Amino acid sequence: MQYTDHSIRTLYDAAGQARQIQAVEKGFISLLADHIDLPFVPMQSL
């Protein structure tokens, strides 16, 4: 997801499952979720 000054980035493993969710704002990365074990569907909006 991309917004004016920040973005939400989802990192996937080799099987295509989400493993980490990050918020990126002005070059700084904040970890929102890590080691996700369940199937994850990206959010359409906040």
Protein backbone atom coordinates (compact mmCIF):
# COMPACT_ATOMS: atom_id res chain seq x y z
CA MET A 1 0.00 0.00 0.00
CA GLN A 2 1.28 3.44 -0.85
CA TYR A 3 0.17 6.68 0.74
CA THR A 4 1.43 10.24 0.26
CA ASP A 5 4.34 10.06 2.71
CA HIS A 6 4.42 6.45 3.90
CA SER A 7 3.76 2.90 2.80
CA ILE A 8 2.86 -0.49 4.21
CA ARG A 9 5.16 -3.26 2.96
CA THR A 10 4.47 -6.99 3.20
CA LEU A 11 7.37 -9.44 2.90
CA TYR A 12 6.62 -12.98 1.71
CA ASP A 13 8.42 -16.30 2.03
CA ALA A 14 9.23 -18.67 -0.86
CA ALA A 15 5.76 -20.27 -0.57
CA GLY A 16 4.04 -16.90 -1.02
CA GLN A 17 2.87 -16.57 2.59
CA ALA A 18 3.20 -13.22 4.37
CA ARG A 19 5.97 -13.36 6.97
CA GLN A 20 6.48 -9.72 7.95
CA ILE A 21 4.57 -6.44 7.70
CA GLN A 22 6.41 -3.13 7.86
CA ALA A 23 5.44 0.54 7.84
CA VAL A 24 7.88 2.79 5.98
CA GLU A 25 7.75 6.54 6.63
CA LYS A 26 10.39 9.01 5.43
CA GLY A 27 12.96 6.23 5.13
CA PHE A 28 12.34 4.78 8.59
CA ILE A 29 11.02 1.22 8.88
CA SER A 30 8.74 0.15 11.73
CA LEU A 31 7.98 -3.53 12.20
CA LEU A 32 4.23 -4.08 12.56
CA ALA A 33 4.11 -7.90 12.52
CA ASP A 34 6.73 -10.64 12.29
CA HIS A 35 6.71 -14.45 12.07
CA ILE A 36 3.16 -14.59 10.73
CA ASP A 37 2.06 -18.22 10.67
CA LEU A 38 -1.47 -17.94 9.30
CA PRO A 39 -2.50 -17.16 5.72
CA PHE A 40 -2.72 -13.38 5.42
CA VAL A 41 -4.86 -11.37 3.01
CA PRO A 42 -3.65 -7.78 2.43
CA MET A 43 -5.93 -5.06 3.76
CA GLN A 44 -7.83 -3.00 1.20
CA SER A 45 -7.88 0.11 3.42
CA LEU A 46 -7.13 1.26 6.96
